[in-house]
Protein backbone atom coordinates (compact mmCIF):
# COMPACT_ATOMS: atom_id res chain seq x y z
CA UNK A 1 33.13 -5.15 -93.26
CA UNK A 2 32.65 -9.26 -93.23
CA UNK A 3 32.19 -10.27 -89.50
CA UNK A 4 33.14 -13.71 -89.21
CA UNK A 5 33.63 -14.04 -85.62
CA UNK A 6 33.02 -10.84 -82.81
CA UNK A 7 34.44 -10.05 -79.74
CA UNK A 8 32.33 -9.62 -76.20
CA UNK A 9 32.11 -5.69 -76.74
CA UNK A 10 30.43 -5.66 -80.20
CA UNK A 11 27.87 -7.44 -78.41
CA UNK A 12 27.59 -5.24 -75.11
CA UNK A 13 27.48 -1.98 -77.41
CA UNK A 14 24.23 -2.96 -77.94
CA UNK A 15 23.13 -2.25 -74.66
CA UNK A 16 23.79 1.37 -75.21
CA UNK A 17 22.46 4.06 -77.66
CA UNK A 18 24.37 5.59 -80.39
CA UNK A 19 26.32 4.78 -83.50
CA UNK A 20 28.39 1.69 -81.31
CA UNK A 21 24.94 0.36 -81.02
CA UNK A 22 23.80 0.86 -84.41
CA UNK A 23 26.99 -0.67 -85.86
CA UNK A 24 27.14 -3.92 -83.50
CA UNK A 25 23.63 -4.24 -84.57
CA UNK A 26 24.58 -4.32 -88.08
CA UNK A 27 27.23 -6.75 -87.77
CA UNK A 28 25.18 -9.25 -85.72
CA UNK A 29 22.94 -9.15 -88.57
CA UNK A 30 25.42 -10.12 -90.63
CA UNK A 31 25.25 -14.16 -88.58
CA UNK A 32 28.72 -14.12 -87.03
CA UNK A 33 29.86 -16.66 -85.20
CA UNK A 34 29.52 -16.02 -81.23
CA UNK A 35 31.75 -18.28 -79.27
CA UNK A 36 30.62 -19.38 -75.73
CA UNK A 37 33.28 -17.51 -74.28
CA UNK A 38 31.78 -14.27 -75.18
CA UNK A 39 28.43 -14.91 -74.59
CA UNK A 40 29.81 -15.67 -70.84
CA UNK A 41 31.49 -12.35 -70.84
CA UNK A 42 28.07 -10.64 -71.77
CA UNK A 43 26.77 -12.25 -69.16
CA UNK A 44 28.95 -11.39 -66.46
CA UNK A 45 28.82 -7.86 -67.48
CA UNK A 46 25.09 -7.93 -67.77
CA UNK A 47 24.66 -8.59 -64.84
CA UNK A 48 27.76 -6.97 -62.74
CA UNK A 49 28.18 -3.51 -65.06
CA UNK A 50 25.25 -3.46 -66.36
CA UNK A 51 23.24 -4.21 -63.37
CA UNK A 52 20.90 -6.52 -65.25
CA UNK A 53 18.41 -9.41 -63.91
CA UNK A 54 18.95 -12.76 -64.64
CA UNK A 55 15.42 -12.54 -66.84
CA UNK A 56 16.74 -9.21 -68.30
CA UNK A 57 19.70 -10.78 -68.84
CA UNK A 58 18.60 -13.95 -70.39
CA UNK A 59 16.22 -11.46 -72.77
CA UNK A 60 18.86 -9.84 -74.26
CA UNK A 61 20.92 -12.43 -74.69
CA UNK A 62 17.46 -14.39 -76.38
CA UNK A 63 17.46 -11.11 -78.43
CA UNK A 64 21.37 -11.87 -79.73
CA UNK A 65 19.93 -15.51 -80.43
CA UNK A 66 17.66 -14.15 -82.38
CA UNK A 67 20.06 -11.85 -84.36
CA UNK A 68 22.32 -14.23 -85.10
CA UNK A 69 20.77 -18.05 -84.55
CA UNK A 70 22.75 -19.30 -81.80
CA UNK A 71 21.48 -22.36 -80.45
CA UNK A 72 24.47 -21.60 -77.69
CA UNK A 73 23.06 -18.43 -76.94
CA UNK A 74 19.50 -19.67 -76.80
CA UNK A 75 20.64 -22.01 -74.24
CA UNK A 76 22.16 -19.61 -72.49
CA UNK A 77 19.86 -17.32 -72.27
CA UNK A 78 17.37 -20.30 -70.47
CA UNK A 79 19.85 -21.19 -67.65
CA UNK A 80 19.74 -17.34 -66.77
CA UNK A 81 16.26 -17.21 -66.47
CA UNK A 82 16.13 -20.49 -64.20
CA UNK A 83 18.47 -18.80 -62.12
CA UNK A 84 16.55 -15.77 -61.38
CA UNK A 85 14.81 -15.69 -57.69
């Protein structure tokens, strides 16, 4: 399966364990495009639903950047880290 673009859920599946997380990692390893909207939605869900701190959220999004090579992900992660008290 080719993955050119991914939805927010694919990114968020990495927070879980099991087959969905494994499949998400496989998809993201194909270096798909991730929109700024998807990164923003992932950030909101990391904070509100998963209860991650700003630093944890930044670290998570930096990991996404490593998987897909997204400069936007890196910039978003840096903004998150700066906002953590």
